[in-house]
Amino acid sequence: MTDHVQLGDDHERFVAAAVAEGQFESRDAVLREGVRLVRQRQARLEQIVGSDHDNALVARLRAGVARGIADADAGRTIQAEEGFARLRRYLKDLDADETS
């Protein structure tokens, strides 16, 4: 299938630069990578919340907020800097898992 895709000026500049800098062989390669990443993100979301994204996601978010409030009410809290450090480690581990 051959379609012309209009990305808008900002995205077109980004794609052109990625090709010019040798990050990708062609515009099509950039777009294929974009589609691959969208599919990967959707698959990850389905792993987390199942296939019924909207209802399941909202329910899980509400449950998470309720747990957080209950923890805070019970005094189960940590200092913000420790929380950010944990978050940085978690994100670093996630990134490492994706690249391996």
Protein backbone atom coordinates (compact mmCIF):
# COMPACT_ATOMS: atom_id res chain seq x y z
CA MET A 1 0.00 0.00 0.00
CA THR A 2 1.36 3.41 -0.93
CA ASP A 3 -0.13 6.43 0.81
CA HIS A 4 1.13 9.94 1.17
CA VAL A 5 1.23 10.92 4.83
CA GLN A 6 1.10 14.59 5.79
CA LEU A 7 2.87 15.00 9.11
CA GLY A 8 2.94 18.74 9.44
CA ASP A 9 5.98 20.99 9.23
CA ASP A 10 7.48 20.19 12.64
CA HIS A 11 7.24 16.42 12.18
CA GLU A 12 8.48 16.66 8.59
CA ARG A 13 11.58 18.57 9.77
CA PHE A 14 12.18 15.96 12.46
CA VAL A 15 11.91 13.09 9.96
CA ALA A 16 14.14 14.86 7.43
CA ALA A 17 16.78 15.50 10.10
CA ALA A 18 16.68 11.88 11.29
CA VAL A 19 17.31 10.70 7.73
CA ALA A 20 19.95 13.37 7.01
CA GLU A 21 21.83 12.49 10.21
CA GLY A 22 21.86 8.81 9.23
CA GLN A 23 19.62 7.61 12.04
CA PHE A 24 17.30 6.07 9.43
CA GLU A 25 17.76 5.09 5.80
CA SER A 26 14.55 6.71 4.59
CA ARG A 27 11.37 8.53 5.53
CA ASP A 28 9.54 5.21 5.32
CA ALA A 29 11.95 3.69 7.85
CA VAL A 30 11.19 6.52 10.31
CA LEU A 31 7.45 5.99 9.88
CA ARG A 32 7.77 2.20 10.27
CA GLU A 33 9.67 2.73 13.52
CA GLY A 34 6.93 5.09 14.70
CA VAL A 35 4.25 2.50 13.99
CA ARG A 36 6.33 -0.18 15.74
CA LEU A 37 6.62 2.01 18.84
CA VAL A 38 2.88 2.74 18.89
CA ARG A 39 2.14 -0.99 18.66
CA GLN A 40 4.64 -1.70 21.44
CA ARG A 41 3.03 0.93 23.66
CA GLN A 42 -0.44 -0.47 23.01
CA ALA A 43 0.73 -4.00 23.80
CA ARG A 44 2.27 -2.79 27.06
CA LEU A 45 -0.94 -0.99 27.97
CA GLU A 46 -2.94 -4.15 27.28
CA GLN A 47 -0.60 -6.09 29.58
CA ILE A 48 -1.24 -3.58 32.34
CA VAL A 49 -4.97 -2.96 32.01
CA GLY A 50 -6.25 -5.68 29.70
CA SER A 51 -8.00 -5.07 26.42
CA ASP A 52 -10.77 -2.87 27.83
CA HIS A 53 -8.49 0.16 28.22
CA ASP A 54 -10.88 2.89 29.30
CA ASN A 55 -12.88 1.17 32.03
CA ALA A 56 -10.03 -0.94 33.36
CA LEU A 57 -7.57 1.94 33.37
CA VAL A 58 -9.93 4.26 35.21
CA ALA A 59 -10.72 1.54 37.77
CA ARG A 60 -7.02 0.80 38.35
CA LEU A 61 -6.17 4.49 38.67
CA ARG A 62 -8.97 5.03 41.19
CA ALA A 63 -7.86 1.99 43.19
CA GLY A 64 -4.28 3.26 43.17
CA VAL A 65 -5.33 6.69 44.37
CA ALA A 66 -7.46 5.14 47.11
CA ARG A 67 -4.49 2.99 48.27
CA GLY A 68 -2.26 6.07 48.28
CA ILE A 69 -4.72 8.05 50.37
CA ALA A 70 -5.16 5.16 52.79
CA ASP A 71 -1.36 4.81 53.12
CA ALA A 72 -0.97 8.53 53.79
CA ASP A 73 -3.80 8.48 56.34
CA ALA A 74 -2.09 5.56 58.11
CA GLY A 75 1.25 7.37 58.16
CA ARG A 76 2.85 5.05 55.59
CA THR A 77 4.74 7.76 53.72
CA ILE A 78 8.32 8.47 52.69
CA GLN A 79 10.23 11.67 52.07
CA ALA A 80 9.77 13.09 48.58
CA GLU A 81 13.47 12.71 47.67
CA GLU A 82 13.36 8.99 48.51
CA GLY A 83 10.20 8.62 46.42
CA PHE A 84 11.85 10.35 43.46
CA ALA A 85 14.95 8.17 43.85
CA ARG A 86 12.79 5.04 43.78
CA LEU A 87 10.97 6.34 40.72
CA ARG A 88 14.26 7.07 38.92
CA ARG A 89 15.50 3.52 39.68
CA TYR A 90 12.21 2.03 38.48
CA LEU A 91 12.31 4.00 35.22
CA LYS A 92 15.97 3.10 34.69
CA ASP A 93 15.11 -0.59 35.15
CA LEU A 94 12.18 -0.27 32.74
CA ASP A 95 14.44 1.34 30.15
CA ALA A 96 17.04 -1.41 30.62
CA ASP A 97 14.36 -4.10 30.13
CA GLU A 98 13.19 -2.47 26.89
CA THR A 99 16.67 -2.27 25.40
CA SER A 100 17.64 -5.84 26.21
